[in-house]
Amino acid sequence: ISNKMKTTLPACWWQFVWPQQRLRKTYTNKFDNVDVDGVLGNNRILTNYIKCLMEKGPCTPEGRELKKLLPDALQSDCSKCTNVQKKNSKGY
């Protein structure tokens, strides 16, 4: 393989493969341990999340993350969701 090929192939790989890898990226899993049933069963906490999403109240870190990612998750049918996030969203 020529020197030109040695530099061209990696450049092509980064140009075409790297964006594909980024597209497959999942949402953060740092909140996967949130007790979804507990949130839905607690009117005070649920109301706070709803107010956060509707910009009518303050947001917790989890609420800010949910607010940021929810539109894309709904539009893409949760294609970037982790397995835990997909499982948690199935019953709702």
PDB file of N, CA and C in Angstrom:
ATOM      1  N   ILE A   1       0.855  -1.175   0.000  1.00  0.00           N
ATOM      2  CA  ILE A   1       0.000   0.000   0.000  1.00  0.00           C
ATOM      3  C   ILE A   1       0.898   1.235   0.000  1.00  0.00           C
ATOM      4  N   SER A   2       0.560   2.159  -0.874  1.00  0.00           N
ATOM      5  CA  SER A   2       1.361   3.386  -0.982  1.00  0.00           C
ATOM      6  C   SER A   2       1.123   4.298   0.224  1.00  0.00           C
ATOM      7  N   ASN A   3       2.039   5.226   0.412  1.00  0.00           N
ATOM      8  CA  ASN A   3       1.893   6.186   1.511  1.00  0.00           C
ATOM      9  C   ASN A   3       0.623   7.017   1.370  1.00  0.00           C
ATOM     10  N   LYS A   4       0.272   7.340   0.129  1.00  0.00           N
ATOM     11  CA  LYS A   4      -0.945   8.117  -0.105  1.00  0.00           C
ATOM     12  C   LYS A   4      -2.172   7.333   0.352  1.00  0.00           C
ATOM     13  N   MET A   5      -2.194   6.033   0.070  1.00  0.00           N
ATOM     14  CA  MET A   5      -3.311   5.185   0.494  1.00  0.00           C
ATOM     15  C   MET A   5      -3.358   5.074   2.016  1.00  0.00           C
ATOM     16  N   LYS A   6      -2.186   5.031   2.643  1.00  0.00           N
ATOM     17  CA  LYS A   6      -2.140   4.914   4.102  1.00  0.00           C
ATOM     18  C   LYS A   6      -2.752   6.134   4.784  1.00  0.00           C
ATOM     19  N   THR A   7      -2.674   7.287   4.147  1.00  0.00           N
ATOM     20  CA  THR A   7      -3.279   8.482   4.738  1.00  0.00           C
ATOM     21  C   THR A   7      -4.704   8.696   4.256  1.00  0.00           C
ATOM     22  N   THR A   8      -5.014   8.228   3.056  1.00  0.00           N
ATOM     23  CA  THR A   8      -6.348   8.415   2.504  1.00  0.00           C
ATOM     24  C   THR A   8      -7.373   7.501   3.167  1.00  0.00           C
ATOM     25  N   LEU A   9      -7.030   6.246   3.388  1.00  0.00           N
ATOM     26  CA  LEU A   9      -7.984   5.307   3.987  1.00  0.00           C
ATOM     27  C   LEU A   9      -8.458   5.738   5.373  1.00  0.00           C
ATOM     28  N   PRO A  10      -7.559   6.103   6.278  1.00  0.00           N
ATOM     29  CA  PRO A  10      -8.063   6.568   7.579  1.00  0.00           C
ATOM     30  C   PRO A  10      -8.926   7.826   7.465  1.00  0.00           C
ATOM     31  N   ALA A  11      -8.571   8.717   6.557  1.00  0.00           N
ATOM     32  CA  ALA A  11      -9.368   9.929   6.374  1.00  0.00           C
ATOM     33  C   ALA A  11     -10.766   9.577   5.885  1.00  0.00           C
ATOM     34  N   CYS A  12     -10.853   8.634   4.956  1.00  0.00           N
ATOM     35  CA  CYS A  12     -12.161   8.181   4.465  1.00  0.00           C
ATOM     36  C   CYS A  12     -12.951   7.509   5.582  1.00  0.00           C
ATOM     37  N   TRP A  13     -12.256   6.692   6.359  1.00  0.00           N
ATOM     38  CA  TRP A  13     -12.931   6.011   7.467  1.00  0.00           C
ATOM     39  C   TRP A  13     -13.546   7.032   8.406  1.00  0.00           C
ATOM     40  N   TRP A  14     -12.773   8.052   8.806  1.00  0.00           N
ATOM     41  CA  TRP A  14     -13.288   9.068   9.725  1.00  0.00           C
ATOM     42  C   TRP A  14     -14.422   9.855   9.100  1.00  0.00           C
ATOM     43  N   GLN A  15     -14.358  10.078   7.809  1.00  0.00           N
ATOM     44  CA  GLN A  15     -15.384  10.875   7.151  1.00  0.00           C
ATOM     45  C   GLN A  15     -16.712  10.126   7.050  1.00  0.00           C
ATOM     46  N   PHE A  16     -16.668   8.824   6.811  1.00  0.00           N
ATOM     47  CA  PHE A  16     -17.899   8.075   6.579  1.00  0.00           C
ATOM     48  C   PHE A  16     -18.338   7.211   7.754  1.00  0.00           C
ATOM     49  N   VAL A  17     -17.426   6.634   8.474  1.00  0.00           N
ATOM     50  CA  VAL A  17     -17.781   5.727   9.563  1.00  0.00           C
ATOM     51  C   VAL A  17     -18.050   6.485  10.851  1.00  0.00           C
ATOM     52  N   TRP A  18     -17.228   7.456  11.179  1.00  0.00           N
ATOM     53  CA  TRP A  18     -17.400   8.179  12.442  1.00  0.00           C
ATOM     54  C   TRP A  18     -18.792   8.801  12.569  1.00  0.00           C
ATOM     55  N   PRO A  19     -19.336   9.494  11.539  1.00  0.00           N
ATOM     56  CA  PRO A  19     -20.696  10.029  11.688  1.00  0.00           C
ATOM     57  C   PRO A  19     -21.729   8.933  11.929  1.00  0.00           C
ATOM     58  N   GLN A  20     -21.543   7.761  11.333  1.00  0.00           N
ATOM     59  CA  GLN A  20     -22.469   6.651  11.563  1.00  0.00           C
ATOM     60  C   GLN A  20     -22.430   6.205  13.018  1.00  0.00           C
ATOM     61  N   GLN A  21     -21.248   6.174  13.605  1.00  0.00           N
ATOM     62  CA  GLN A  21     -21.127   5.798  15.010  1.00  0.00           C
ATOM     63  C   GLN A  21     -21.830   6.820  15.897  1.00  0.00           C
ATOM     64  N   ARG A  22     -21.686   8.088  15.573  1.00  0.00           N
ATOM     65  CA  ARG A  22     -22.343   9.129  16.366  1.00  0.00           C
ATOM     66  C   ARG A  22     -23.852   9.013  16.258  1.00  0.00           C
ATOM     67  N   LEU A  23     -24.368   8.618  15.105  1.00  0.00           N
ATOM     68  CA  LEU A  23     -25.805   8.479  14.930  1.00  0.00           C
ATOM     69  C   LEU A  23     -26.370   7.363  15.799  1.00  0.00           C
ATOM     70  N   ARG A  24     -25.581   6.351  16.100  1.00  0.00           N
ATOM     71  CA  ARG A  24     -26.042   5.221  16.904  1.00  0.00           C
ATOM     72  C   ARG A  24     -25.939   5.483  18.399  1.00  0.00           C
ATOM     73  N   LYS A  25     -25.376   6.578  18.761  1.00  0.00           N
ATOM     74  CA  LYS A  25     -25.161   6.911  20.164  1.00  0.00           C
ATOM     75  C   LYS A  25     -26.489   6.887  20.921  1.00  0.00           C
ATOM     76  N   THR A  26     -26.438   6.397  22.136  1.00  0.00           N
ATOM     77  CA  THR A  26     -27.647   6.377  22.957  1.00  0.00           C
ATOM     78  C   THR A  26     -27.660   7.582  23.890  1.00  0.00           C
ATOM     79  N   TYR A  27     -28.826   7.847  24.420  1.00  0.00           N
ATOM     80  CA  TYR A  27     -28.944   8.905  25.416  1.00  0.00           C
ATOM     81  C   TYR A  27     -28.167   8.502  26.659  1.00  0.00           C
ATOM     82  N   THR A  28     -27.884   9.469  27.498  1.00  0.00           N
ATOM     83  CA  THR A  28     -27.165   9.197  28.734  1.00  0.00           C
ATOM     84  C   THR A  28     -27.928   8.186  29.594  1.00  0.00           C
ATOM     85  N   ASN A  29     -27.179   7.364  30.284  1.00  0.00           N
ATOM     86  CA  ASN A  29     -27.814   6.375  31.163  1.00  0.00           C
ATOM     87  C   ASN A  29     -27.721   6.792  32.628  1.00  0.00           C
ATOM     88  N   LYS A  30     -27.281   8.011  32.885  1.00  0.00           N
ATOM     89  CA  LYS A  30     -27.051   8.418  34.270  1.00  0.00           C
ATOM     90  C   LYS A  30     -28.329   8.498  35.097  1.00  0.00           C
ATOM     91  N   PHE A  31     -29.494   8.537  34.460  1.00  0.00           N
ATOM     92  CA  PHE A  31     -30.746   8.568  35.202  1.00  0.00           C
ATOM     93  C   PHE A  31     -31.552   7.281  35.028  1.00  0.00           C
ATOM     94  N   ASP A  32     -30.928   6.238  34.515  1.00  0.00           N
ATOM     95  CA  ASP A  32     -31.636   4.973  34.299  1.00  0.00           C
ATOM     96  C   ASP A  32     -32.127   4.341  35.601  1.00  0.00           C
ATOM     97  N   ASN A  33     -31.566   4.745  36.726  1.00  0.00           N
ATOM     98  CA  ASN A  33     -31.986   4.171  38.006  1.00  0.00           C
ATOM     99  C   ASN A  33     -33.139   4.927  38.653  1.00  0.00           C
ATOM    100  N   VAL A  34     -33.680   5.932  37.982  1.00  0.00           N
ATOM    101  CA  VAL A  34     -34.831   6.660  38.516  1.00  0.00           C
ATOM    102  C   VAL A  34     -36.013   5.694  38.582  1.00  0.00           C
ATOM    103  N   ASP A  35     -36.710   5.696  39.702  1.00  0.00           N
ATOM    104  CA  ASP A  35     -37.876   4.832  39.902  1.00  0.00           C
ATOM    105  C   ASP A  35     -39.079   5.448  39.181  1.00  0.00           C
ATOM    106  N   VAL A  36     -39.299   5.051  37.941  1.00  0.00           N
ATOM    107  CA  VAL A  36     -40.362   5.629  37.119  1.00  0.00           C
ATOM    108  C   VAL A  36     -41.727   5.385  37.756  1.00  0.00           C
ATOM    109  N   ASP A  37     -41.976   4.175  38.236  1.00  0.00           N
ATOM    110  CA  ASP A  37     -43.258   3.888  38.884  1.00  0.00           C
ATOM    111  C   ASP A  37     -43.442   4.751  40.126  1.00  0.00           C
ATOM    112  N   GLY A  38     -42.361   4.967  40.861  1.00  0.00           N
ATOM    113  CA  GLY A  38     -42.424   5.824  42.040  1.00  0.00           C
ATOM    114  C   GLY A  38     -42.755   7.259  41.688  1.00  0.00           C
ATOM    115  N   VAL A  39     -42.179   7.759  40.601  1.00  0.00           N
ATOM    116  CA  VAL A  39     -42.465   9.124  40.148  1.00  0.00           C
ATOM    117  C   VAL A  39     -43.920   9.229  39.715  1.00  0.00           C
ATOM    118  N   LEU A  40     -44.376   8.266  38.915  1.00  0.00           N
ATOM    119  CA  LEU A  40     -45.755   8.307  38.420  1.00  0.00           C
ATOM    120  C   LEU A  40     -46.774   8.115  39.535  1.00  0.00           C
ATOM    121  N   GLY A  41     -46.381   7.429  40.592  1.00  0.00           N
ATOM    122  CA  GLY A  41     -47.284   7.185  41.712  1.00  0.00           C
ATOM    123  C   GLY A  41     -47.265   8.279  42.768  1.00  0.00           C
ATOM    124  N   ASN A  42     -46.403   9.264  42.621  1.00  0.00           N
ATOM    125  CA  ASN A  42     -46.291  10.343  43.594  1.00  0.00           C
ATOM    126  C   ASN A  42     -46.760  11.637  42.935  1.00  0.00           C
ATOM    127  N   ASN A  43     -47.955  12.073  43.281  1.00  0.00           N
ATOM    128  CA  ASN A  43     -48.568  13.228  42.628  1.00  0.00           C
ATOM    129  C   ASN A  43     -47.702  14.482  42.723  1.00  0.00           C
ATOM    130  N   ARG A  44     -47.051  14.707  43.854  1.00  0.00           N
ATOM    131  CA  ARG A  44     -46.221  15.899  44.034  1.00  0.00           C
ATOM    132  C   ARG A  44     -45.033  15.885  43.075  1.00  0.00           C
ATOM    133  N   ILE A  45     -44.330  14.754  43.022  1.00  0.00           N
ATOM    134  CA  ILE A  45     -43.158  14.646  42.137  1.00  0.00           C
ATOM    135  C   ILE A  45     -43.580  14.708  40.678  1.00  0.00           C
ATOM    136  N   LEU A  46     -44.645  13.986  40.329  1.00  0.00           N
ATOM    137  CA  LEU A  46     -45.131  13.984  38.951  1.00  0.00           C
ATOM    138  C   LEU A  46     -45.532  15.391  38.519  1.00  0.00           C
ATOM    139  N   THR A  47     -46.228  16.110  39.387  1.00  0.00           N
ATOM    140  CA  THR A  47     -46.636  17.486  39.076  1.00  0.00           C
ATOM    141  C   THR A  47     -45.420  18.377  38.851  1.00  0.00           C
ATOM    142  N   ASN A  48     -44.378  18.187  39.656  1.00  0.00           N
ATOM    143  CA  ASN A  48     -43.155  18.978  39.468  1.00  0.00           C
ATOM    144  C   ASN A  48     -42.506  18.694  38.116  1.00  0.00           C
ATOM    145  N   TYR A  49     -42.479  17.427  37.693  1.00  0.00           N
ATOM    146  CA  TYR A  49     -41.930  17.093  36.373  1.00  0.00           C
ATOM    147  C   TYR A  49     -42.772  17.723  35.269  1.00  0.00           C
ATOM    148  N   ILE A  50     -44.084  17.638  35.404  1.00  0.00           N
ATOM    149  CA  ILE A  50     -44.971  18.210  34.385  1.00  0.00           C
ATOM    150  C   ILE A  50     -44.765  19.718  34.296  1.00  0.00           C
ATOM    151  N   LYS A  51     -44.689  20.386  35.451  1.00  0.00           N
ATOM    152  CA  LYS A  51     -44.447  21.834  35.451  1.00  0.00           C
ATOM    153  C   LYS A  51     -43.108  22.163  34.797  1.00  0.00           C
ATOM    154  N   CYS A  52     -42.112  21.352  35.064  1.00  0.00           N
ATOM    155  CA  CYS A  52     -40.802  21.542  34.435  1.00  0.00           C
ATOM    156  C   CYS A  52     -40.925  21.441  32.916  1.00  0.00           C
ATOM    157  N   LEU A  53     -41.570  20.380  32.444  1.00  0.00           N
ATOM    158  CA  LEU A  53     -41.697  20.162  31.000  1.00  0.00           C
ATOM    159  C   LEU A  53     -42.488  21.272  30.317  1.00  0.00           C
ATOM    160  N   MET A  54     -43.441  21.845  31.046  1.00  0.00           N
ATOM    161  CA  MET A  54     -44.286  22.901  30.476  1.00  0.00           C
ATOM    162  C   MET A  54     -43.723  24.301  30.741  1.00  0.00           C
ATOM    163  N   GLU A  55     -42.511  24.353  31.317  1.00  0.00           N
ATOM    164  CA  GLU A  55     -41.852  25.617  31.649  1.00  0.00           C
ATOM    165  C   GLU A  55     -42.690  26.466  32.597  1.00  0.00           C
ATOM    166  N   LYS A  56     -43.355  25.789  33.539  1.00  0.00           N
ATOM    167  CA  LYS A  56     -44.166  26.487  34.542  1.00  0.00           C
ATOM    168  C   LYS A  56     -43.618  26.279  35.944  1.00  0.00           C
ATOM    169  N   GLY A  57     -42.436  25.691  36.036  1.00  0.00           N
ATOM    170  CA  GLY A  57     -41.818  25.462  37.328  1.00  0.00           C
ATOM    171  C   GLY A  57     -40.356  25.109  37.151  1.00  0.00           C
ATOM    172  N   PRO A  58     -39.629  25.037  38.262  1.00  0.00           N
ATOM    173  CA  PRO A  58     -38.201  24.698  38.184  1.00  0.00           C
ATOM    174  C   PRO A  58     -38.003  23.238  37.793  1.00  0.00           C
ATOM    175  N   CYS A  59     -36.830  22.945  37.279  1.00  0.00           N
ATOM    176  CA  CYS A  59     -36.497  21.583  36.855  1.00  0.00           C
ATOM    177  C   CYS A  59     -35.373  21.012  37.712  1.00  0.00           C
ATOM    178  N   THR A  60     -35.502  19.755  38.057  1.00  0.00           N
ATOM    179  CA  THR A  60     -34.409  19.012  38.670  1.00  0.00           C
ATOM    180  C   THR A  60     -33.423  18.665  37.557  1.00  0.00           C
ATOM    181  N   PRO A  61     -32.223  18.186  37.885  1.00  0.00           N
ATOM    182  CA  PRO A  61     -31.311  17.736  36.821  1.00  0.00           C
ATOM    183  C   PRO A  61     -31.961  16.676  35.924  1.00  0.00           C
ATOM    184  N   GLU A  62     -32.715  15.764  36.529  1.00  0.00           N
ATOM    185  CA  GLU A  62     -33.400  14.735  35.741  1.00  0.00           C
ATOM    186  C   GLU A  62     -34.443  15.360  34.825  1.00  0.00           C
ATOM    187  N   GLY A  63     -35.178  16.344  35.356  1.00  0.00           N
ATOM    188  CA  GLY A  63     -36.200  17.027  34.569  1.00  0.00           C
ATOM    189  C   GLY A  63     -35.609  17.782  33.394  1.00  0.00           C
ATOM    190  N   ARG A  64     -34.480  18.447  33.624  1.00  0.00           N
ATOM    191  CA  ARG A  64     -33.810  19.168  32.524  1.00  0.00           C
ATOM    192  C   ARG A  64     -33.381  18.201  31.428  1.00  0.00           C
ATOM    193  N   GLU A  65     -32.836  17.063  31.833  1.00  0.00           N
ATOM    194  CA  GLU A  65     -32.393  16.060  30.855  1.00  0.00           C
ATOM    195  C   GLU A  65     -33.590  15.510  30.086  1.00  0.00           C
ATOM    196  N   LEU A  66     -34.666  15.207  30.803  1.00  0.00           N
ATOM    197  CA  LEU A  66     -35.886  14.707  30.167  1.00  0.00           C
ATOM    198  C   LEU A  66     -36.439  15.736  29.189  1.00  0.00           C
ATOM    199  N   LYS A  67     -36.484  16.971  29.607  1.00  0.00           N
ATOM    200  CA  LYS A  67     -36.999  18.054  28.766  1.00  0.00           C
ATOM    201  C   LYS A  67     -36.172  18.210  27.496  1.00  0.00           C
ATOM    202  N   LYS A  68     -34.874  18.040  27.627  1.00  0.00           N
ATOM    203  CA  LYS A  68     -33.975  18.181  26.481  1.00  0.00           C
ATOM    204  C   LYS A  68     -34.131  17.016  25.497  1.00  0.00           C
ATOM    205  N   LEU A  69     -34.293  15.799  26.013  1.00  0.00           N
ATOM    206  CA  LEU A  69     -34.263  14.610  25.165  1.00  0.00           C
ATOM    207  C   LEU A  69     -35.633  14.103  24.722  1.00  0.00           C
ATOM    208  N   LEU A  70     -36.684  14.441  25.448  1.00  0.00           N
ATOM    209  CA  LEU A  70     -38.006  13.887  25.160  1.00  0.00           C
ATOM    210  C   LEU A  70     -38.492  14.153  23.736  1.00  0.00           C
ATOM    211  N   PRO A  71     -38.377  15.370  23.196  1.00  0.00           N
ATOM    212  CA  PRO A  71     -38.859  15.582  21.823  1.00  0.00           C
ATOM    213  C   PRO A  71     -38.194  14.646  20.809  1.00  0.00           C
ATOM    214  N   ASP A  72     -36.877  14.481  20.900  1.00  0.00           N
ATOM    215  CA  ASP A  72     -36.175  13.594  19.973  1.00  0.00           C
ATOM    216  C   ASP A  72     -36.576  12.141  20.206  1.00  0.00           C
ATOM    217  N   ALA A  73     -36.714  11.748  21.462  1.00  0.00           N
ATOM    218  CA  ALA A  73     -37.095  10.364  21.772  1.00  0.00           C
ATOM    219  C   ALA A  73     -38.480  10.051  21.216  1.00  0.00           C
ATOM    220  N   LEU A  74     -39.409  10.981  21.341  1.00  0.00           N
ATOM    221  CA  LEU A  74     -40.757  10.764  20.813  1.00  0.00           C
ATOM    222  C   LEU A  74     -40.753  10.735  19.291  1.00  0.00           C
ATOM    223  N   GLN A  75     -40.001  11.635  18.684  1.00  0.00           N
ATOM    224  CA  GLN A  75     -39.958  11.712  17.221  1.00  0.00           C
ATOM    225  C   GLN A  75     -39.268  10.493  16.611  1.00  0.00           C
ATOM    226  N   SER A  76     -38.249   9.974  17.284  1.00  0.00           N
ATOM    227  CA  SER A  76     -37.472   8.863  16.722  1.00  0.00           C
ATOM    228  C   SER A  76     -37.916   7.501  17.255  1.00  0.00           C
ATOM    229  N   ASP A  77     -39.056   7.451  17.934  1.00  0.00           N
ATOM    230  CA  ASP A  77     -39.556   6.207  18.521  1.00  0.00           C
ATOM    231  C   ASP A  77     -38.512   5.583  19.444  1.00  0.00           C
ATOM    232  N   CYS A  78     -37.860   6.423  20.204  1.00  0.00           N
ATOM    233  CA  CYS A  78     -36.889   6.004  21.228  1.00  0.00           C
ATOM    234  C   CYS A  78     -35.693   5.256  20.624  1.00  0.00           C
ATOM    235  N   SER A  79     -35.302   5.621  19.414  1.00  0.00           N
ATOM    236  CA  SER A  79     -34.224   4.896  18.738  1.00  0.00           C
ATOM    237  C   SER A  79     -32.870   5.045  19.423  1.00  0.00           C
ATOM    238  N   LYS A  80     -32.672   6.101  20.204  1.00  0.00           N
ATOM    239  CA  LYS A  80     -31.404   6.305  20.904  1.00  0.00           C
ATOM    240  C   LYS A  80     -31.506   5.959  22.387  1.00  0.00           C
ATOM    241  N   CYS A  81     -32.643   5.415  22.790  1.00  0.00           N
ATOM    242  CA  CYS A  81     -32.835   5.068  24.201  1.00  0.00           C
ATOM    243  C   CYS A  81     -31.993   3.859  24.577  1.00  0.00           C
ATOM    244  N   THR A  82     -31.552   3.834  25.823  1.00  0.00           N
ATOM    245  CA  THR A  82     -30.883   2.645  26.342  1.00  0.00           C
ATOM    246  C   THR A  82     -31.939   1.568  26.540  1.00  0.00           C
ATOM    247  N   ASN A  83     -31.515   0.337  26.757  1.00  0.00           N
ATOM    248  CA  ASN A  83     -32.472  -0.744  26.989  1.00  0.00           C
ATOM    249  C   ASN A  83     -33.356  -0.457  28.197  1.00  0.00           C
ATOM    250  N   VAL A  84     -32.780   0.103  29.245  1.00  0.00           N
ATOM    251  CA  VAL A  84     -33.556   0.442  30.447  1.00  0.00           C
ATOM    252  C   VAL A  84     -34.605   1.498  30.115  1.00  0.00           C
ATOM    253  N   GLN A  85     -34.237   2.509  29.350  1.00  0.00           N
ATOM    254  CA  GLN A  85     -35.178   3.563  28.984  1.00  0.00           C
ATOM    255  C   GLN A  85     -36.308   3.009  28.126  1.00  0.00           C
ATOM    256  N   LYS A  86     -35.991   2.110  27.211  1.00  0.00           N
ATOM    257  CA  LYS A  86     -37.035   1.489  26.392  1.00  0.00           C
ATOM    258  C   LYS A  86     -37.985   0.681  27.262  1.00  0.00           C
ATOM    259  N   LYS A  87     -37.424  -0.084  28.193  1.00  0.00           N
ATOM    260  CA  LYS A  87     -38.249  -0.896  29.096  1.00  0.00           C
ATOM    261  C   LYS A  87     -39.150  -0.002  29.940  1.00  0.00           C
ATOM    262  N   ASN A  88     -38.596   1.077  30.465  1.00  0.00           N
ATOM    263  CA  ASN A  88     -39.373   1.979  31.316  1.00  0.00           C
ATOM    264  C   ASN A  88     -40.478   2.699  30.557  1.00  0.00           C
ATOM    265  N   SER A  89     -40.313   2.895  29.264  1.00  0.00           N
ATOM    266  CA  SER A  89     -41.313   3.635  28.499  1.00  0.00           C
ATOM    267  C   SER A  89     -42.405   2.742  27.916  1.00  0.00           C
ATOM    268  N   LYS A  90     -42.226   1.440  27.938  1.00  0.00           N
ATOM    269  CA  LYS A  90     -43.173   0.527  27.294  1.00  0.00           C
ATOM    270  C   LYS A  90     -44.582   0.596  27.879  1.00  0.00           C
ATOM    271  N   GLY A  91     -44.720   0.667  29.175  1.00  0.00           N
ATOM    272  CA  GLY A  91     -46.042   0.601  29.786  1.00  0.00           C
ATOM    273  C   GLY A  91     -46.780   1.916  29.865  1.00  0.00           C
ATOM    274  N   TYR A  92     -46.189   2.986  29.310  1.00  0.00           N
ATOM    275  CA  TYR A  92     -46.805   4.297  29.513  1.00  0.00           C
ATOM    276  C   TYR A  92     -47.213   4.911  28.238  1.00  0.00           C
TER     277      TYR A  92
END
